[in-house]
């Protein structure tokens, strides 16, 4: 039961906020680096935020200062708080777990199916 399930996507106005959550199951929660990838329509899947198993975070330049990634240890979720959303943030957001740091598309072991975020400008 190695599963990651994203939730929280939806339609939001530019400048607004949205929170995504990645529910984990079948994982030793503290043994993996966790990441959030973004895939805009017709573009490559790109890492936007990650949290390291021993602490520490990573943010892409495009979301730095606007997004926050954190772990909820009781719920065993990895959440992504998105603020000041822009039209270019539109796309599918995927949760991933693995050993890579910063997480790379090819070296992460587990992926969720994604949740769609649409930002209206």
N, C-alpha and C. Protein backbone atom coordinates (compact mmCIF):
# COMPACT_ATOMS: atom_id res chain seq x y z
N UNK A 1 0.83 -1.18 0.00
CA UNK A 1 0.00 0.00 0.00
C UNK A 1 0.87 1.24 0.00
N UNK A 2 1.73 1.32 -0.96
CA UNK A 2 2.62 2.47 -1.09
C UNK A 2 1.90 3.52 -1.93
N UNK A 3 1.18 4.38 -1.26
CA UNK A 3 0.34 5.34 -1.95
C UNK A 3 0.52 6.76 -1.44
N UNK A 4 0.41 7.68 -2.36
CA UNK A 4 0.37 9.10 -2.07
C UNK A 4 -0.88 9.65 -2.73
N UNK A 5 -1.69 10.35 -1.98
CA UNK A 5 -2.94 10.88 -2.51
C UNK A 5 -3.02 12.37 -2.22
N UNK A 6 -3.06 13.16 -3.29
CA UNK A 6 -3.15 14.60 -3.16
C UNK A 6 -4.60 15.05 -3.08
N UNK A 7 -4.81 16.15 -2.40
CA UNK A 7 -6.12 16.76 -2.34
C UNK A 7 -5.97 18.26 -2.16
N UNK A 8 -7.04 18.98 -2.39
CA UNK A 8 -7.05 20.41 -2.16
C UNK A 8 -7.05 21.27 -3.40
N UNK A 9 -6.89 20.66 -4.56
CA UNK A 9 -6.88 21.43 -5.78
C UNK A 9 -8.24 22.01 -6.10
N UNK A 10 -8.24 23.00 -6.97
CA UNK A 10 -9.48 23.63 -7.36
C UNK A 10 -9.23 24.91 -8.10
N UNK A 11 -10.27 25.70 -8.23
CA UNK A 11 -10.21 26.98 -8.92
C UNK A 11 -10.03 28.10 -7.92
N UNK A 12 -9.07 28.97 -8.19
CA UNK A 12 -8.80 30.09 -7.29
C UNK A 12 -8.44 31.32 -8.11
N UNK A 13 -8.78 32.47 -7.60
CA UNK A 13 -8.47 33.73 -8.28
C UNK A 13 -7.01 34.10 -8.07
N UNK A 14 -6.41 34.71 -9.07
CA UNK A 14 -5.05 35.19 -8.94
C UNK A 14 -4.92 36.09 -7.71
N UNK A 15 -3.84 35.89 -6.98
CA UNK A 15 -3.63 36.61 -5.74
C UNK A 15 -4.17 35.90 -4.53
N UNK A 16 -4.95 34.88 -4.75
CA UNK A 16 -5.55 34.14 -3.66
C UNK A 16 -4.65 33.05 -3.13
N UNK A 17 -5.21 32.25 -2.25
CA UNK A 17 -4.45 31.19 -1.58
C UNK A 17 -5.17 29.86 -1.69
N UNK A 18 -4.38 28.81 -1.60
CA UNK A 18 -4.91 27.46 -1.66
C UNK A 18 -3.94 26.55 -0.92
N UNK A 19 -4.47 25.55 -0.25
CA UNK A 19 -3.64 24.59 0.46
C UNK A 19 -3.85 23.19 -0.10
N UNK A 20 -2.76 22.53 -0.41
CA UNK A 20 -2.79 21.16 -0.88
C UNK A 20 -2.29 20.24 0.21
N UNK A 21 -2.76 19.01 0.19
CA UNK A 21 -2.33 18.03 1.17
C UNK A 21 -2.01 16.72 0.47
N UNK A 22 -0.95 16.09 0.90
CA UNK A 22 -0.55 14.78 0.38
C UNK A 22 -0.66 13.77 1.51
N UNK A 23 -1.63 12.89 1.40
CA UNK A 23 -1.81 11.84 2.39
C UNK A 23 -0.95 10.64 2.02
N UNK A 24 -0.25 10.11 3.00
CA UNK A 24 0.66 8.99 2.75
C UNK A 24 0.14 7.72 3.41
N UNK A 25 0.43 6.60 2.77
CA UNK A 25 0.14 5.30 3.35
C UNK A 25 1.17 4.30 2.85
N UNK A 26 1.49 3.32 3.69
CA UNK A 26 2.47 2.32 3.30
C UNK A 26 3.90 2.82 3.31
N UNK A 27 4.14 3.96 3.88
CA UNK A 27 5.47 4.55 3.95
C UNK A 27 5.91 4.71 5.40
N UNK A 28 7.21 4.58 5.59
CA UNK A 28 7.78 5.04 6.85
C UNK A 28 7.96 6.53 6.70
N UNK A 29 7.07 7.27 7.30
CA UNK A 29 6.90 8.69 7.01
C UNK A 29 8.20 9.48 7.09
N UNK A 30 8.99 9.22 8.11
CA UNK A 30 10.21 9.98 8.31
C UNK A 30 11.41 9.50 7.53
N UNK A 31 11.25 8.51 6.68
CA UNK A 31 12.38 7.92 5.98
C UNK A 31 12.55 8.42 4.55
N UNK A 32 11.70 9.33 4.11
CA UNK A 32 11.74 9.79 2.73
C UNK A 32 11.81 11.30 2.65
N UNK A 33 12.51 11.75 1.63
CA UNK A 33 12.36 13.13 1.21
C UNK A 33 11.04 13.24 0.45
N UNK A 34 10.35 14.33 0.66
CA UNK A 34 9.04 14.53 0.04
C UNK A 34 9.08 15.78 -0.83
N UNK A 35 8.39 15.71 -1.95
CA UNK A 35 8.38 16.84 -2.85
C UNK A 35 7.04 17.09 -3.48
N UNK A 36 6.88 18.31 -3.94
CA UNK A 36 5.73 18.70 -4.75
C UNK A 36 6.23 19.14 -6.11
N UNK A 37 5.71 18.50 -7.14
CA UNK A 37 6.01 18.86 -8.51
C UNK A 37 4.81 19.55 -9.14
N UNK A 38 5.10 20.43 -10.07
CA UNK A 38 4.07 21.14 -10.81
C UNK A 38 4.24 20.87 -12.30
N UNK A 39 3.14 20.59 -12.96
CA UNK A 39 3.17 20.40 -14.41
C UNK A 39 2.10 21.27 -15.05
N UNK A 40 2.56 22.33 -15.68
CA UNK A 40 1.66 23.20 -16.41
C UNK A 40 1.25 22.51 -17.71
N UNK A 41 0.12 22.89 -18.27
CA UNK A 41 -0.32 22.27 -19.53
C UNK A 41 0.74 22.37 -20.61
N UNK A 42 1.10 21.23 -21.19
CA UNK A 42 2.07 21.19 -22.27
C UNK A 42 3.51 21.39 -21.87
N UNK A 43 3.80 21.41 -20.57
CA UNK A 43 5.16 21.64 -20.10
C UNK A 43 5.66 20.48 -19.26
N UNK A 44 6.95 20.51 -18.95
CA UNK A 44 7.57 19.47 -18.16
C UNK A 44 7.16 19.57 -16.70
N UNK A 45 7.22 18.43 -16.04
CA UNK A 45 6.96 18.38 -14.62
C UNK A 45 8.17 18.92 -13.87
N UNK A 46 7.95 19.93 -13.04
CA UNK A 46 9.04 20.65 -12.40
C UNK A 46 8.85 20.70 -10.89
N UNK A 47 9.93 20.47 -10.17
CA UNK A 47 9.89 20.55 -8.72
C UNK A 47 9.67 21.98 -8.27
N UNK A 48 8.72 22.18 -7.39
CA UNK A 48 8.48 23.52 -6.85
C UNK A 48 8.79 23.62 -5.37
N UNK A 49 8.64 22.54 -4.63
CA UNK A 49 8.90 22.57 -3.20
C UNK A 49 9.20 21.17 -2.70
N UNK A 50 10.05 21.08 -1.69
CA UNK A 50 10.40 19.79 -1.12
C UNK A 50 10.81 19.96 0.33
N UNK A 51 10.67 18.87 1.07
CA UNK A 51 11.09 18.86 2.47
C UNK A 51 11.91 17.61 2.71
N UNK A 52 13.07 17.78 3.29
CA UNK A 52 14.01 16.69 3.51
C UNK A 52 13.64 15.90 4.75
N UNK A 53 13.95 14.60 4.72
CA UNK A 53 13.55 13.72 5.80
C UNK A 53 14.12 14.13 7.15
N UNK A 54 15.32 14.70 7.15
CA UNK A 54 15.95 15.12 8.39
C UNK A 54 15.78 16.61 8.67
N UNK A 55 14.97 17.25 7.87
CA UNK A 55 14.75 18.67 8.01
C UNK A 55 15.33 19.45 6.86
N UNK A 56 14.84 20.64 6.69
CA UNK A 56 15.26 21.47 5.58
C UNK A 56 14.25 21.45 4.46
N UNK A 57 14.20 22.53 3.73
CA UNK A 57 13.24 22.66 2.64
C UNK A 57 13.92 23.19 1.39
N UNK A 58 13.25 23.00 0.28
CA UNK A 58 13.69 23.53 -1.00
C UNK A 58 12.51 24.18 -1.68
N UNK A 59 12.76 25.31 -2.33
CA UNK A 59 11.75 25.98 -3.13
C UNK A 59 12.36 26.44 -4.44
N UNK A 60 11.61 26.28 -5.50
CA UNK A 60 12.06 26.83 -6.77
C UNK A 60 11.95 28.35 -6.73
N UNK A 61 12.70 29.00 -7.60
CA UNK A 61 12.67 30.46 -7.63
C UNK A 61 11.28 30.99 -7.92
N UNK A 62 10.51 30.25 -8.69
CA UNK A 62 9.20 30.73 -9.09
C UNK A 62 8.19 30.79 -7.95
N UNK A 63 8.40 29.99 -6.90
CA UNK A 63 7.44 29.95 -5.80
C UNK A 63 8.03 30.44 -4.49
N UNK A 64 9.31 30.70 -4.46
CA UNK A 64 9.97 31.11 -3.23
C UNK A 64 9.32 32.37 -2.65
N UNK A 65 9.00 32.31 -1.38
CA UNK A 65 8.35 33.42 -0.72
C UNK A 65 6.84 33.38 -0.80
N UNK A 66 6.30 32.50 -1.62
CA UNK A 66 4.86 32.39 -1.78
C UNK A 66 4.31 31.05 -1.29
N UNK A 67 5.09 29.99 -1.44
CA UNK A 67 4.66 28.65 -1.05
C UNK A 67 5.42 28.20 0.19
N UNK A 68 4.76 27.39 0.99
CA UNK A 68 5.38 26.79 2.16
C UNK A 68 5.04 25.31 2.21
N UNK A 69 6.05 24.47 2.35
CA UNK A 69 5.83 23.03 2.47
C UNK A 69 6.14 22.61 3.91
N UNK A 70 5.31 21.76 4.46
CA UNK A 70 5.52 21.31 5.82
C UNK A 70 4.89 19.95 6.03
N UNK A 71 5.36 19.27 7.04
CA UNK A 71 4.83 17.96 7.40
C UNK A 71 3.88 18.07 8.58
N UNK A 72 2.80 17.30 8.52
CA UNK A 72 1.91 17.10 9.65
C UNK A 72 2.16 15.68 10.15
N UNK A 73 2.91 15.58 11.22
CA UNK A 73 3.38 14.27 11.67
C UNK A 73 2.26 13.40 12.24
N UNK A 74 1.26 14.01 12.85
CA UNK A 74 0.16 13.23 13.38
C UNK A 74 -0.68 12.64 12.26
N UNK A 75 -0.96 13.44 11.25
CA UNK A 75 -1.77 12.99 10.12
C UNK A 75 -0.95 12.29 9.06
N UNK A 76 0.36 12.34 9.17
CA UNK A 76 1.30 11.83 8.17
C UNK A 76 0.98 12.37 6.78
N UNK A 77 0.82 13.67 6.72
CA UNK A 77 0.62 14.33 5.44
C UNK A 77 1.74 15.32 5.19
N UNK A 78 1.94 15.64 3.94
CA UNK A 78 2.85 16.69 3.54
C UNK A 78 2.02 17.74 2.83
N UNK A 79 1.97 18.92 3.41
CA UNK A 79 1.08 19.95 2.92
C UNK A 79 1.85 21.05 2.18
N UNK A 80 1.16 21.68 1.27
CA UNK A 80 1.73 22.79 0.51
C UNK A 80 0.78 23.96 0.60
N UNK A 81 1.21 24.99 1.29
CA UNK A 81 0.42 26.21 1.40
C UNK A 81 0.86 27.16 0.29
N UNK A 82 -0.08 27.54 -0.54
CA UNK A 82 0.21 28.38 -1.69
C UNK A 82 -0.48 29.73 -1.51
N UNK A 83 0.30 30.78 -1.56
CA UNK A 83 -0.21 32.13 -1.41
C UNK A 83 0.16 32.97 -2.63
N UNK A 84 -0.53 34.08 -2.79
CA UNK A 84 -0.27 35.00 -3.90
C UNK A 84 -0.19 34.26 -5.22
N UNK A 85 -1.17 33.45 -5.47
CA UNK A 85 -1.16 32.59 -6.66
C UNK A 85 -1.21 33.40 -7.94
N UNK A 86 -0.49 32.88 -8.94
CA UNK A 86 -0.41 33.50 -10.25
C UNK A 86 -0.97 32.56 -11.30
N UNK A 87 -1.29 33.11 -12.45
CA UNK A 87 -1.83 32.29 -13.53
C UNK A 87 -0.87 31.17 -13.91
N UNK A 88 0.43 31.43 -13.87
CA UNK A 88 1.41 30.42 -14.25
C UNK A 88 1.51 29.28 -13.24
N UNK A 89 0.88 29.43 -12.08
CA UNK A 89 0.83 28.33 -11.12
C UNK A 89 -0.19 27.27 -11.52
N UNK A 90 -0.99 27.57 -12.50
CA UNK A 90 -1.99 26.63 -12.98
C UNK A 90 -1.33 25.33 -13.44
N UNK A 91 -1.94 24.22 -13.10
CA UNK A 91 -1.45 22.94 -13.53
C UNK A 91 -1.74 21.86 -12.52
N UNK A 92 -1.21 20.70 -12.78
CA UNK A 92 -1.38 19.56 -11.88
C UNK A 92 -0.21 19.52 -10.91
N UNK A 93 -0.53 19.36 -9.65
CA UNK A 93 0.48 19.25 -8.61
C UNK A 93 0.56 17.80 -8.13
N UNK A 94 1.78 17.28 -8.14
CA UNK A 94 2.03 15.89 -7.77
C UNK A 94 2.88 15.81 -6.51
N UNK A 95 2.50 14.94 -5.63
CA UNK A 95 3.28 14.63 -4.45
C UNK A 95 4.20 13.46 -4.75
N UNK A 96 5.42 13.52 -4.24
CA UNK A 96 6.38 12.45 -4.50
C UNK A 96 7.21 12.16 -3.26
N UNK A 97 7.70 10.94 -3.17
CA UNK A 97 8.55 10.51 -2.07
C UNK A 97 9.72 9.71 -2.62
N UNK A 98 10.88 9.91 -2.05
CA UNK A 98 12.04 9.17 -2.49
C UNK A 98 13.29 9.59 -1.76
N UNK A 99 14.43 9.27 -2.36
CA UNK A 99 15.71 9.52 -1.71
C UNK A 99 16.47 10.69 -2.29
N UNK A 100 16.08 11.15 -3.45
CA UNK A 100 16.80 12.23 -4.09
C UNK A 100 16.67 13.55 -3.35
N UNK A 101 17.76 14.32 -3.40
CA UNK A 101 17.74 15.66 -2.84
C UNK A 101 18.66 16.58 -3.62
N UNK A 102 18.10 17.69 -4.12
CA UNK A 102 16.66 17.90 -4.19
C UNK A 102 15.98 16.85 -5.06
N UNK A 103 14.72 16.56 -4.80
CA UNK A 103 14.05 15.49 -5.55
C UNK A 103 14.10 15.73 -7.05
N UNK A 104 14.46 14.69 -7.77
CA UNK A 104 14.45 14.72 -9.21
C UNK A 104 13.36 13.83 -9.77
N UNK A 105 12.90 14.18 -10.95
CA UNK A 105 11.80 13.42 -11.55
C UNK A 105 12.13 11.94 -11.69
N UNK A 106 13.37 11.63 -12.02
CA UNK A 106 13.76 10.25 -12.32
C UNK A 106 14.15 9.44 -11.09
N UNK A 107 14.45 10.08 -9.99
CA UNK A 107 14.97 9.34 -8.84
C UNK A 107 14.02 9.27 -7.65
N UNK A 108 12.80 9.71 -7.82
CA UNK A 108 11.82 9.56 -6.76
C UNK A 108 11.06 8.25 -6.94
N UNK A 109 10.74 7.61 -5.85
CA UNK A 109 10.21 6.25 -5.88
C UNK A 109 8.69 6.17 -5.98
N UNK A 110 8.00 7.12 -5.40
CA UNK A 110 6.55 7.05 -5.31
C UNK A 110 5.93 8.36 -5.74
N UNK A 111 4.80 8.23 -6.44
CA UNK A 111 4.10 9.40 -6.97
C UNK A 111 2.60 9.29 -6.72
N UNK A 112 2.00 10.42 -6.41
CA UNK A 112 0.55 10.49 -6.39
C UNK A 112 0.03 10.72 -7.79
N UNK A 113 -1.27 10.72 -7.93
CA UNK A 113 -1.89 10.90 -9.23
C UNK A 113 -2.10 12.37 -9.59
N UNK A 114 -1.90 13.24 -8.63
CA UNK A 114 -1.98 14.66 -8.88
C UNK A 114 -3.31 15.28 -8.53
N UNK A 115 -3.28 16.58 -8.30
CA UNK A 115 -4.49 17.36 -8.08
C UNK A 115 -4.37 18.64 -8.90
N UNK A 116 -5.45 19.01 -9.54
CA UNK A 116 -5.44 20.13 -10.47
C UNK A 116 -5.72 21.44 -9.77
N UNK A 117 -4.87 22.41 -10.04
CA UNK A 117 -5.05 23.77 -9.55
C UNK A 117 -5.21 24.69 -10.76
N UNK A 118 -6.27 25.46 -10.76
CA UNK A 118 -6.51 26.42 -11.82
C UNK A 118 -6.59 27.81 -11.22
N UNK A 119 -5.72 28.69 -11.69
CA UNK A 119 -5.68 30.06 -11.19
C UNK A 119 -6.22 30.98 -12.28
N UNK A 120 -7.27 31.68 -11.95
CA UNK A 120 -7.89 32.61 -12.89
C UNK A 120 -7.26 33.99 -12.75
N UNK A 121 -6.83 34.55 -13.87
CA UNK A 121 -6.18 35.85 -13.86
C UNK A 121 -7.09 36.92 -14.42
